[in-house]
Amino acid sequence: MSWPPGSKNYDTRRARLRKDAERSGISDQDANTVADEELQEGEERRSRGPRTERGRGPKGERPENTG
């Protein structure tokens, strides 16, 4: 699951990834890069939209019903 940058969950996950990278012998500065890249890869797996009809909003305001 992905969280927006700056959120508490994002920061917690980033700190854990940095710590894991540092323990495996990666320098402090490179650990930042590794953590950021891994979190951004997770963005690709994020949901791309609502999963239910209700999540798409009121019927009269949906893009396919306007025009």
N, C-alpha and C. Protein backbone atom coordinates (compact mmCIF):
# COMPACT_ATOMS: atom_id res chain seq x y z
N MET A 1 0.84 -1.17 0.00
CA MET A 1 0.00 0.00 0.00
C MET A 1 0.89 1.24 0.00
N SER A 2 0.44 2.27 -0.63
CA SER A 2 1.20 3.52 -0.69
C SER A 2 0.48 4.61 0.06
N TRP A 3 1.26 5.51 0.62
CA TRP A 3 0.72 6.65 1.33
C TRP A 3 1.28 7.90 0.71
N PRO A 4 0.57 9.01 0.83
CA PRO A 4 1.07 10.26 0.26
C PRO A 4 2.31 10.75 1.00
N PRO A 5 3.29 11.28 0.27
CA PRO A 5 4.49 11.81 0.91
C PRO A 5 4.13 12.85 1.96
N GLY A 6 4.81 12.77 3.08
CA GLY A 6 4.56 13.70 4.17
C GLY A 6 3.60 13.16 5.21
N SER A 7 2.89 12.08 4.88
CA SER A 7 1.98 11.50 5.86
C SER A 7 2.78 10.72 6.90
N LYS A 8 2.17 10.48 8.03
CA LYS A 8 2.85 9.77 9.11
C LYS A 8 3.25 8.36 8.66
N ASN A 9 2.36 7.67 7.96
CA ASN A 9 2.67 6.32 7.49
C ASN A 9 3.83 6.32 6.50
N TYR A 10 3.85 7.29 5.62
CA TYR A 10 4.93 7.41 4.64
C TYR A 10 6.26 7.62 5.35
N ASP A 11 6.28 8.56 6.30
CA ASP A 11 7.51 8.85 7.02
C ASP A 11 8.00 7.65 7.83
N THR A 12 7.07 6.93 8.44
CA THR A 12 7.43 5.75 9.21
C THR A 12 8.04 4.68 8.31
N ARG A 13 7.40 4.44 7.19
CA ARG A 13 7.89 3.43 6.23
C ARG A 13 9.26 3.83 5.69
N ARG A 14 9.43 5.11 5.38
CA ARG A 14 10.70 5.62 4.84
C ARG A 14 11.82 5.44 5.87
N ALA A 15 11.53 5.73 7.13
CA ALA A 15 12.54 5.58 8.19
C ALA A 15 12.96 4.12 8.33
N ARG A 16 12.00 3.21 8.24
CA ARG A 16 12.33 1.77 8.33
C ARG A 16 13.18 1.33 7.15
N LEU A 17 12.82 1.80 5.96
CA LEU A 17 13.59 1.44 4.77
C LEU A 17 15.01 1.99 4.85
N ARG A 18 15.16 3.23 5.34
CA ARG A 18 16.49 3.83 5.50
C ARG A 18 17.33 3.01 6.48
N LYS A 19 16.72 2.64 7.60
CA LYS A 19 17.44 1.88 8.63
C LYS A 19 17.88 0.53 8.08
N ASP A 20 17.01 -0.15 7.34
CA ASP A 20 17.36 -1.43 6.74
C ASP A 20 18.51 -1.27 5.75
N ALA A 21 18.49 -0.21 4.96
CA ALA A 21 19.54 0.04 3.99
C ALA A 21 20.87 0.31 4.70
N GLU A 22 20.84 1.10 5.77
CA GLU A 22 22.06 1.41 6.52
C GLU A 22 22.64 0.14 7.16
N ARG A 23 21.77 -0.73 7.65
CA ARG A 23 22.23 -1.99 8.27
C ARG A 23 22.89 -2.91 7.24
N SER A 24 22.47 -2.79 5.99
CA SER A 24 23.05 -3.65 4.96
C SER A 24 24.34 -3.06 4.37
N GLY A 25 24.81 -1.93 4.94
CA GLY A 25 26.09 -1.37 4.54
C GLY A 25 26.02 -0.20 3.58
N ILE A 26 24.85 0.30 3.29
CA ILE A 26 24.70 1.44 2.39
C ILE A 26 24.92 2.72 3.19
N SER A 27 25.62 3.69 2.59
CA SER A 27 25.90 4.95 3.29
C SER A 27 24.61 5.68 3.62
N ASP A 28 24.71 6.61 4.58
CA ASP A 28 23.55 7.36 5.03
C ASP A 28 22.86 8.10 3.89
N GLN A 29 23.65 8.78 3.07
CA GLN A 29 23.07 9.54 1.96
C GLN A 29 22.43 8.62 0.92
N ASP A 30 23.10 7.52 0.63
CA ASP A 30 22.54 6.58 -0.34
C ASP A 30 21.30 5.88 0.21
N ALA A 31 21.23 5.73 1.53
CA ALA A 31 20.06 5.10 2.15
C ALA A 31 18.81 5.96 1.89
N ASN A 32 18.97 7.28 1.91
CA ASN A 32 17.85 8.17 1.58
C ASN A 32 17.34 7.90 0.18
N THR A 33 18.26 7.80 -0.76
CA THR A 33 17.89 7.56 -2.16
C THR A 33 17.20 6.21 -2.31
N VAL A 34 17.75 5.19 -1.68
CA VAL A 34 17.17 3.85 -1.77
C VAL A 34 15.75 3.84 -1.21
N ALA A 35 15.56 4.46 -0.06
CA ALA A 35 14.23 4.50 0.57
C ALA A 35 13.24 5.24 -0.31
N ASP A 36 13.64 6.39 -0.85
CA ASP A 36 12.75 7.17 -1.71
C ASP A 36 12.36 6.40 -2.96
N GLU A 37 13.34 5.74 -3.58
CA GLU A 37 13.06 4.99 -4.81
C GLU A 37 12.10 3.84 -4.53
N GLU A 38 12.30 3.15 -3.42
CA GLU A 38 11.42 2.02 -3.11
C GLU A 38 9.99 2.49 -2.84
N LEU A 39 9.85 3.60 -2.15
CA LEU A 39 8.50 4.12 -1.89
C LEU A 39 7.84 4.61 -3.17
N GLN A 40 8.60 5.18 -4.09
CA GLN A 40 8.02 5.64 -5.35
C GLN A 40 7.62 4.48 -6.23
N GLU A 41 8.34 3.36 -6.14
CA GLU A 41 7.94 2.17 -6.90
C GLU A 41 6.58 1.69 -6.43
N GLY A 42 6.31 1.83 -5.15
CA GLY A 42 5.02 1.43 -4.60
C GLY A 42 3.88 2.25 -5.16
N GLU A 43 4.16 3.47 -5.60
CA GLU A 43 3.13 4.33 -6.18
C GLU A 43 2.51 3.70 -7.42
N GLU A 44 3.28 2.93 -8.16
CA GLU A 44 2.77 2.31 -9.38
C GLU A 44 1.73 1.25 -9.06
N ARG A 45 1.80 0.69 -7.86
CA ARG A 45 0.86 -0.35 -7.48
C ARG A 45 -0.39 0.20 -6.83
N ARG A 46 -0.46 1.49 -6.65
CA ARG A 46 -1.60 2.11 -5.99
C ARG A 46 -2.85 1.99 -6.85
N SER A 47 -3.98 1.92 -6.22
CA SER A 47 -5.26 1.85 -6.92
C SER A 47 -5.42 3.06 -7.84
N ARG A 48 -5.97 2.85 -9.00
CA ARG A 48 -6.13 3.93 -9.97
C ARG A 48 -7.54 4.52 -9.99
N GLY A 49 -8.39 4.09 -9.10
CA GLY A 49 -9.72 4.66 -9.07
C GLY A 49 -10.64 3.91 -8.13
N PRO A 50 -11.87 4.36 -8.02
CA PRO A 50 -12.83 3.72 -7.13
C PRO A 50 -13.17 2.32 -7.60
N ARG A 51 -13.45 1.46 -6.65
CA ARG A 51 -13.75 0.06 -6.98
C ARG A 51 -15.23 -0.23 -7.08
N THR A 52 -16.06 0.68 -6.61
CA THR A 52 -17.51 0.45 -6.63
C THR A 52 -18.22 1.60 -7.33
N GLU A 53 -19.46 1.36 -7.70
CA GLU A 53 -20.27 2.42 -8.31
C GLU A 53 -20.41 3.60 -7.36
N ARG A 54 -20.60 3.31 -6.09
CA ARG A 54 -20.78 4.38 -5.11
C ARG A 54 -19.52 5.25 -5.03
N GLY A 55 -18.36 4.65 -5.17
CA GLY A 55 -17.11 5.39 -5.10
C GLY A 55 -16.91 6.35 -6.26
N ARG A 56 -17.65 6.18 -7.33
CA ARG A 56 -17.51 7.05 -8.50
C ARG A 56 -18.30 8.33 -8.36
N GLY A 57 -19.10 8.45 -7.29
CA GLY A 57 -19.84 9.69 -7.05
C GLY A 57 -21.27 9.62 -7.52
N PRO A 58 -22.01 10.72 -7.35
CA PRO A 58 -23.42 10.76 -7.76
C PRO A 58 -23.56 10.50 -9.26
N LYS A 59 -24.57 9.73 -9.64
CA LYS A 59 -24.76 9.36 -11.05
C LYS A 59 -24.82 10.57 -11.98
N GLY A 60 -25.50 11.61 -11.58
CA GLY A 60 -25.64 12.78 -12.44
C GLY A 60 -24.36 13.57 -12.62
N GLU A 61 -23.36 13.33 -11.77
CA GLU A 61 -22.11 14.09 -11.84
C GLU A 61 -20.94 13.28 -12.41
N ARG A 62 -21.18 12.06 -12.84
CA ARG A 62 -20.11 11.24 -13.41
C ARG A 62 -19.80 11.70 -14.83
N PRO A 63 -18.55 11.62 -15.23
CA PRO A 63 -18.15 12.11 -16.56
C PRO A 63 -18.94 11.52 -17.71
N GLU A 64 -19.30 10.24 -17.64
CA GLU A 64 -20.02 9.65 -18.77
C GLU A 64 -21.47 10.12 -18.85
N ASN A 65 -21.99 10.77 -17.79
CA ASN A 65 -23.38 11.25 -17.79
C ASN A 65 -23.50 12.73 -18.06
N THR A 66 -22.40 13.43 -18.17
CA THR A 66 -22.47 14.87 -18.43
C THR A 66 -22.31 15.14 -19.91
N GLY A 67 -22.80 16.26 -20.36
CA GLY A 67 -22.57 16.61 -21.76
C GLY A 67 -23.79 16.78 -22.49
